[in-house]
Amino acid sequence: MKKGEVGPWYESTDTTYKGSFPVNTDGGQLSGGQPGLAGGFRHVIEGSRQIMGRAGPRQVPKNDLAMVNG
């Protein structure tokens, strides 16, 4: 994307777990009780669950790739 295109793209994209570009499928740190440093690995676990097809009701349809940042 070119400079200045990300904002409009993000605003027009469905980033829910059922959307075309799922982000934070487990709700993120706030959903985990804000565990601080101990919560850093939660993202890896959620990404792994998505790839293995074990995310339950949060499962995304296309699950062959996960990106974890934190």
PDB file of N, CA and C in Angstrom:
ATOM      1  N   MET A   1       0.832  -1.180   0.000  1.00  0.00           N
ATOM      2  CA  MET A   1       0.000   0.000   0.000  1.00  0.00           C
ATOM      3  C   MET A   1       0.873   1.239   0.000  1.00  0.00           C
ATOM      4  N   LYS A   2       0.327   2.270  -0.559  1.00  0.00           N
ATOM      5  CA  LYS A   2       1.037   3.540  -0.587  1.00  0.00           C
ATOM      6  C   LYS A   2       0.731   4.331   0.677  1.00  0.00           C
ATOM      7  N   LYS A   3       1.594   5.271   0.964  1.00  0.00           N
ATOM      8  CA  LYS A   3       1.422   6.126   2.132  1.00  0.00           C
ATOM      9  C   LYS A   3       0.040   6.792   2.087  1.00  0.00           C
ATOM     10  N   GLY A   4      -0.660   6.730   3.204  1.00  0.00           N
ATOM     11  CA  GLY A   4      -1.971   7.344   3.304  1.00  0.00           C
ATOM     12  C   GLY A   4      -3.137   6.429   2.959  1.00  0.00           C
ATOM     13  N   GLU A   5      -2.853   5.212   2.478  1.00  0.00           N
ATOM     14  CA  GLU A   5      -3.929   4.301   2.076  1.00  0.00           C
ATOM     15  C   GLU A   5      -4.381   3.349   3.185  1.00  0.00           C
ATOM     16  N   VAL A   6      -3.556   3.168   4.208  1.00  0.00           N
ATOM     17  CA  VAL A   6      -3.867   2.184   5.241  1.00  0.00           C
ATOM     18  C   VAL A   6      -5.110   2.555   6.045  1.00  0.00           C
ATOM     19  N   GLY A   7      -5.223   3.810   6.463  1.00  0.00           N
ATOM     20  CA  GLY A   7      -6.369   4.241   7.265  1.00  0.00           C
ATOM     21  C   GLY A   7      -7.701   3.971   6.589  1.00  0.00           C
ATOM     22  N   PRO A   8      -7.895   4.474   5.374  1.00  0.00           N
ATOM     23  CA  PRO A   8      -9.153   4.201   4.677  1.00  0.00           C
ATOM     24  C   PRO A   8      -9.394   2.708   4.434  1.00  0.00           C
ATOM     25  N   TRP A   9      -8.327   1.968   4.108  1.00  0.00           N
ATOM     26  CA  TRP A   9      -8.473   0.529   3.905  1.00  0.00           C
ATOM     27  C   TRP A   9      -8.950  -0.146   5.187  1.00  0.00           C
ATOM     28  N   TYR A  10      -8.315   0.181   6.312  1.00  0.00           N
ATOM     29  CA  TYR A  10      -8.671  -0.452   7.584  1.00  0.00           C
ATOM     30  C   TYR A  10     -10.107  -0.118   7.987  1.00  0.00           C
ATOM     31  N   GLU A  11     -10.502   1.123   7.779  1.00  0.00           N
ATOM     32  CA  GLU A  11     -11.864   1.537   8.134  1.00  0.00           C
ATOM     33  C   GLU A  11     -12.923   0.823   7.297  1.00  0.00           C
ATOM     34  N   SER A  12     -12.573   0.441   6.087  1.00  0.00           N
ATOM     35  CA  SER A  12     -13.554  -0.200   5.205  1.00  0.00           C
ATOM     36  C   SER A  12     -13.442  -1.727   5.204  1.00  0.00           C
ATOM     37  N   THR A  13     -12.577  -2.283   6.043  1.00  0.00           N
ATOM     38  CA  THR A  13     -12.343  -3.724   6.075  1.00  0.00           C
ATOM     39  C   THR A  13     -12.920  -4.332   7.349  1.00  0.00           C
ATOM     40  N   ASP A  14     -13.573  -5.471   7.216  1.00  0.00           N
ATOM     41  CA  ASP A  14     -14.134  -6.178   8.368  1.00  0.00           C
ATOM     42  C   ASP A  14     -13.018  -6.963   9.050  1.00  0.00           C
ATOM     43  N   THR A  15     -12.591  -6.506  10.240  1.00  0.00           N
ATOM     44  CA  THR A  15     -11.494  -7.149  10.960  1.00  0.00           C
ATOM     45  C   THR A  15     -11.985  -8.045  12.097  1.00  0.00           C
ATOM     46  N   THR A  16     -13.279  -8.363  12.123  1.00  0.00           N
ATOM     47  CA  THR A  16     -13.782  -9.299  13.124  1.00  0.00           C
ATOM     48  C   THR A  16     -13.320 -10.708  12.762  1.00  0.00           C
ATOM     49  N   TYR A  17     -13.472 -11.647  13.681  1.00  0.00           N
ATOM     50  CA  TYR A  17     -13.003 -13.007  13.398  1.00  0.00           C
ATOM     51  C   TYR A  17     -13.752 -13.660  12.239  1.00  0.00           C
ATOM     52  N   LYS A  18     -14.906 -13.123  11.881  1.00  0.00           N
ATOM     53  CA  LYS A  18     -15.648 -13.650  10.735  1.00  0.00           C
ATOM     54  C   LYS A  18     -15.409 -12.829   9.470  1.00  0.00           C
ATOM     55  N   GLY A  19     -14.633 -11.762   9.568  1.00  0.00           N
ATOM     56  CA  GLY A  19     -14.423 -10.855   8.457  1.00  0.00           C
ATOM     57  C   GLY A  19     -13.361 -11.311   7.475  1.00  0.00           C
ATOM     58  N   SER A  20     -13.075 -10.459   6.507  1.00  0.00           N
ATOM     59  CA  SER A  20     -12.107 -10.789   5.458  1.00  0.00           C
ATOM     60  C   SER A  20     -10.660 -10.650   5.923  1.00  0.00           C
ATOM     61  N   PHE A  21     -10.426  -9.917   7.031  1.00  0.00           N
ATOM     62  CA  PHE A  21      -9.074  -9.721   7.563  1.00  0.00           C
ATOM     63  C   PHE A  21      -9.144  -9.779   9.090  1.00  0.00           C
ATOM     64  N   PRO A  22      -9.270 -10.988   9.673  1.00  0.00           N
ATOM     65  CA  PRO A  22      -9.461 -11.117  11.114  1.00  0.00           C
ATOM     66  C   PRO A  22      -8.264 -10.620  11.921  1.00  0.00           C
ATOM     67  N   VAL A  23      -8.543  -9.799  12.919  1.00  0.00           N
ATOM     68  CA  VAL A  23      -7.515  -9.244  13.803  1.00  0.00           C
ATOM     69  C   VAL A  23      -7.944  -9.482  15.247  1.00  0.00           C
ATOM     70  N   ASN A  24      -6.997  -9.878  16.101  1.00  0.00           N
ATOM     71  CA  ASN A  24      -7.275 -10.047  17.531  1.00  0.00           C
ATOM     72  C   ASN A  24      -8.445 -11.001  17.766  1.00  0.00           C
ATOM     73  N   THR A  25      -8.346 -12.195  17.216  1.00  0.00           N
ATOM     74  CA  THR A  25      -9.469 -13.130  17.242  1.00  0.00           C
ATOM     75  C   THR A  25      -9.869 -13.581  18.641  1.00  0.00           C
ATOM     76  N   ASP A  26      -8.974 -13.457  19.618  1.00  0.00           N
ATOM     77  CA  ASP A  26      -9.330 -13.848  20.985  1.00  0.00           C
ATOM     78  C   ASP A  26      -9.686 -12.653  21.866  1.00  0.00           C
ATOM     79  N   GLY A  27      -9.743 -11.476  21.291  1.00  0.00           N
ATOM     80  CA  GLY A  27     -10.109 -10.287  22.062  1.00  0.00           C
ATOM     81  C   GLY A  27      -8.931  -9.517  22.621  1.00  0.00           C
ATOM     82  N   GLY A  28      -7.740 -10.068  22.539  1.00  0.00           N
ATOM     83  CA  GLY A  28      -6.552  -9.352  22.982  1.00  0.00           C
ATOM     84  C   GLY A  28      -6.329  -9.371  24.484  1.00  0.00           C
ATOM     85  N   GLN A  29      -5.378  -8.547  24.924  1.00  0.00           N
ATOM     86  CA  GLN A  29      -4.966  -8.507  26.331  1.00  0.00           C
ATOM     87  C   GLN A  29      -6.103  -8.155  27.278  1.00  0.00           C
ATOM     88  N   LEU A  30      -6.959  -7.221  26.893  1.00  0.00           N
ATOM     89  CA  LEU A  30      -8.037  -6.821  27.796  1.00  0.00           C
ATOM     90  C   LEU A  30      -8.999  -7.974  28.064  1.00  0.00           C
ATOM     91  N   SER A  31      -9.194  -8.839  27.089  1.00  0.00           N
ATOM     92  CA  SER A  31     -10.068  -9.997  27.289  1.00  0.00           C
ATOM     93  C   SER A  31      -9.429 -11.040  28.193  1.00  0.00           C
ATOM     94  N   GLY A  32      -8.117 -10.974  28.337  1.00  0.00           N
ATOM     95  CA  GLY A  32      -7.408 -11.926  29.193  1.00  0.00           C
ATOM     96  C   GLY A  32      -7.150 -11.387  30.582  1.00  0.00           C
ATOM     97  N   GLY A  33      -7.788 -10.305  30.942  1.00  0.00           N
ATOM     98  CA  GLY A  33      -7.603  -9.742  32.274  1.00  0.00           C
ATOM     99  C   GLY A  33      -6.346  -8.904  32.407  1.00  0.00           C
ATOM    100  N   GLN A  34      -5.785  -8.453  31.289  1.00  0.00           N
ATOM    101  CA  GLN A  34      -4.565  -7.641  31.261  1.00  0.00           C
ATOM    102  C   GLN A  34      -3.485  -8.263  32.150  1.00  0.00           C
ATOM    103  N   PRO A  35      -3.004  -9.474  31.804  1.00  0.00           N
ATOM    104  CA  PRO A  35      -2.031 -10.157  32.643  1.00  0.00           C
ATOM    105  C   PRO A  35      -0.600  -9.624  32.561  1.00  0.00           C
ATOM    106  N   GLY A  36      -0.383  -8.550  31.832  1.00  0.00           N
ATOM    107  CA  GLY A  36       0.966  -7.974  31.761  1.00  0.00           C
ATOM    108  C   GLY A  36       1.918  -8.858  30.983  1.00  0.00           C
ATOM    109  N   LEU A  37       3.123  -9.041  31.503  1.00  0.00           N
ATOM    110  CA  LEU A  37       4.140  -9.824  30.798  1.00  0.00           C
ATOM    111  C   LEU A  37       3.700 -11.260  30.552  1.00  0.00           C
ATOM    112  N   ALA A  38       2.953 -11.826  31.470  1.00  0.00           N
ATOM    113  CA  ALA A  38       2.506 -13.213  31.306  1.00  0.00           C
ATOM    114  C   ALA A  38       1.558 -13.359  30.122  1.00  0.00           C
ATOM    115  N   GLY A  39       0.948 -12.276  29.692  1.00  0.00           N
ATOM    116  CA  GLY A  39      -0.010 -12.348  28.592  1.00  0.00           C
ATOM    117  C   GLY A  39       0.620 -12.360  27.225  1.00  0.00           C
ATOM    118  N   GLY A  40       1.911 -12.127  27.126  1.00  0.00           N
ATOM    119  CA  GLY A  40       2.569 -12.061  25.832  1.00  0.00           C
ATOM    120  C   GLY A  40       2.463 -13.329  25.014  1.00  0.00           C
ATOM    121  N   PHE A  41       2.430 -14.458  25.678  1.00  0.00           N
ATOM    122  CA  PHE A  41       2.380 -15.741  24.978  1.00  0.00           C
ATOM    123  C   PHE A  41       0.966 -16.094  24.529  1.00  0.00           C
ATOM    124  N   ARG A  42      -0.039 -15.396  25.049  1.00  0.00           N
ATOM    125  CA  ARG A  42      -1.431 -15.652  24.670  1.00  0.00           C
ATOM    126  C   ARG A  42      -1.625 -15.531  23.164  1.00  0.00           C
ATOM    127  N   HIS A  43      -0.927 -14.589  22.553  1.00  0.00           N
ATOM    128  CA  HIS A  43      -1.054 -14.363  21.111  1.00  0.00           C
ATOM    129  C   HIS A  43      -0.546 -15.571  20.323  1.00  0.00           C
ATOM    130  N   VAL A  44       0.555 -16.146  20.785  1.00  0.00           N
ATOM    131  CA  VAL A  44       1.118 -17.326  20.126  1.00  0.00           C
ATOM    132  C   VAL A  44       0.147 -18.502  20.248  1.00  0.00           C
ATOM    133  N   ILE A  45      -0.428 -18.664  21.428  1.00  0.00           N
ATOM    134  CA  ILE A  45      -1.390 -19.751  21.643  1.00  0.00           C
ATOM    135  C   ILE A  45      -2.605 -19.578  20.739  1.00  0.00           C
ATOM    136  N   GLU A  46      -3.133 -18.362  20.655  1.00  0.00           N
ATOM    137  CA  GLU A  46      -4.302 -18.126  19.799  1.00  0.00           C
ATOM    138  C   GLU A  46      -3.965 -18.378  18.332  1.00  0.00           C
ATOM    139  N   GLY A  47      -2.810 -17.911  17.874  1.00  0.00           N
ATOM    140  CA  GLY A  47      -2.403 -18.168  16.492  1.00  0.00           C
ATOM    141  C   GLY A  47      -2.284 -19.660  16.208  1.00  0.00           C
ATOM    142  N   SER A  48      -1.712 -20.395  17.157  1.00  0.00           N
ATOM    143  CA  SER A  48      -1.578 -21.848  17.009  1.00  0.00           C
ATOM    144  C   SER A  48      -2.936 -22.527  16.952  1.00  0.00           C
ATOM    145  N   ARG A  49      -3.841 -22.103  17.822  1.00  0.00           N
ATOM    146  CA  ARG A  49      -5.189 -22.686  17.817  1.00  0.00           C
ATOM    147  C   ARG A  49      -5.892 -22.429  16.489  1.00  0.00           C
ATOM    148  N   GLN A  50      -5.726 -21.242  15.949  1.00  0.00           N
ATOM    149  CA  GLN A  50      -6.356 -20.921  14.664  1.00  0.00           C
ATOM    150  C   GLN A  50      -5.819 -21.830  13.562  1.00  0.00           C
ATOM    151  N   ILE A  51      -4.504 -21.991  13.504  1.00  0.00           N
ATOM    152  CA  ILE A  51      -3.891 -22.818  12.462  1.00  0.00           C
ATOM    153  C   ILE A  51      -4.299 -24.283  12.601  1.00  0.00           C
ATOM    154  N   MET A  52      -4.402 -24.770  13.845  1.00  0.00           N
ATOM    155  CA  MET A  52      -4.776 -26.170  14.075  1.00  0.00           C
ATOM    156  C   MET A  52      -6.278 -26.411  13.964  1.00  0.00           C
ATOM    157  N   GLY A  53      -7.068 -25.323  13.815  1.00  0.00           N
ATOM    158  CA  GLY A  53      -8.518 -25.477  13.725  1.00  0.00           C
ATOM    159  C   GLY A  53      -9.171 -25.755  15.066  1.00  0.00           C
ATOM    160  N   ARG A  54      -8.534 -25.287  16.152  1.00  0.00           N
ATOM    161  CA  ARG A  54      -9.030 -25.559  17.508  1.00  0.00           C
ATOM    162  C   ARG A  54      -9.447 -24.292  18.256  1.00  0.00           C
ATOM    163  N   ALA A  55      -9.897 -23.278  17.533  1.00  0.00           N
ATOM    164  CA  ALA A  55     -10.255 -22.008  18.171  1.00  0.00           C
ATOM    165  C   ALA A  55     -11.730 -21.929  18.548  1.00  0.00           C
ATOM    166  N   GLY A  56     -12.448 -23.004  18.376  1.00  0.00           N
ATOM    167  CA  GLY A  56     -13.856 -23.038  18.773  1.00  0.00           C
ATOM    168  C   GLY A  56     -14.693 -22.004  18.035  1.00  0.00           C
ATOM    169  N   PRO A  57     -15.539 -21.266  18.766  1.00  0.00           N
ATOM    170  CA  PRO A  57     -16.427 -20.307  18.108  1.00  0.00           C
ATOM    171  C   PRO A  57     -15.693 -19.123  17.469  1.00  0.00           C
ATOM    172  N   ARG A  58     -14.407 -18.938  17.795  1.00  0.00           N
ATOM    173  CA  ARG A  58     -13.611 -17.844  17.215  1.00  0.00           C
ATOM    174  C   ARG A  58     -12.892 -18.272  15.935  1.00  0.00           C
ATOM    175  N   GLN A  59     -13.061 -19.522  15.530  1.00  0.00           N
ATOM    176  CA  GLN A  59     -12.309 -20.056  14.395  1.00  0.00           C
ATOM    177  C   GLN A  59     -12.553 -19.250  13.125  1.00  0.00           C
ATOM    178  N   VAL A  60     -11.446 -18.875  12.477  1.00  0.00           N
ATOM    179  CA  VAL A  60     -11.542 -18.156  11.207  1.00  0.00           C
ATOM    180  C   VAL A  60     -11.599 -19.180  10.069  1.00  0.00           C
ATOM    181  N   PRO A  61     -12.265 -18.839   8.954  1.00  0.00           N
ATOM    182  CA  PRO A  61     -12.405 -19.811   7.863  1.00  0.00           C
ATOM    183  C   PRO A  61     -11.087 -20.162   7.178  1.00  0.00           C
ATOM    184  N   LYS A  62     -10.226 -19.181   6.943  1.00  0.00           N
ATOM    185  CA  LYS A  62      -8.935 -19.423   6.283  1.00  0.00           C
ATOM    186  C   LYS A  62      -7.880 -19.407   7.379  1.00  0.00           C
ATOM    187  N   ASN A  63      -7.318 -20.562   7.693  1.00  0.00           N
ATOM    188  CA  ASN A  63      -6.450 -20.642   8.860  1.00  0.00           C
ATOM    189  C   ASN A  63      -5.079 -21.255   8.581  1.00  0.00           C
ATOM    190  N   ASP A  64      -4.507 -20.980   7.424  1.00  0.00           N
ATOM    191  CA  ASP A  64      -3.204 -21.556   7.115  1.00  0.00           C
ATOM    192  C   ASP A  64      -2.042 -20.613   7.431  1.00  0.00           C
ATOM    193  N   LEU A  65      -2.346 -19.429   7.947  1.00  0.00           N
ATOM    194  CA  LEU A  65      -1.309 -18.449   8.255  1.00  0.00           C
ATOM    195  C   LEU A  65      -1.755 -17.596   9.436  1.00  0.00           C
ATOM    196  N   ALA A  66      -0.848 -17.379  10.372  1.00  0.00           N
ATOM    197  CA  ALA A  66      -1.142 -16.506  11.513  1.00  0.00           C
ATOM    198  C   ALA A  66       0.034 -15.565  11.716  1.00  0.00           C
ATOM    199  N   MET A  67      -0.249 -14.329  12.064  1.00  0.00           N
ATOM    200  CA  MET A  67       0.800 -13.366  12.391  1.00  0.00           C
ATOM    201  C   MET A  67       0.632 -12.966  13.847  1.00  0.00           C
ATOM    202  N   VAL A  68       1.716 -13.062  14.602  1.00  0.00           N
ATOM    203  CA  VAL A  68       1.689 -12.706  16.015  1.00  0.00           C
ATOM    204  C   VAL A  68       2.666 -11.566  16.240  1.00  0.00           C
ATOM    205  N   ASN A  69       2.231 -10.564  16.961  1.00  0.00           N
ATOM    206  CA  ASN A  69       3.068  -9.399  17.242  1.00  0.00           C
ATOM    207  C   ASN A  69       2.865  -9.004  18.691  1.00  0.00           C
ATOM    208  N   GLY A  70       3.889  -8.568  19.327  1.00  0.00           N
ATOM    209  CA  GLY A  70       3.687  -8.139  20.701  1.00  0.00           C
ATOM    210  C   GLY A  70       4.911  -7.955  21.409  1.00  0.00           C
TER     211      GLY A  70
END
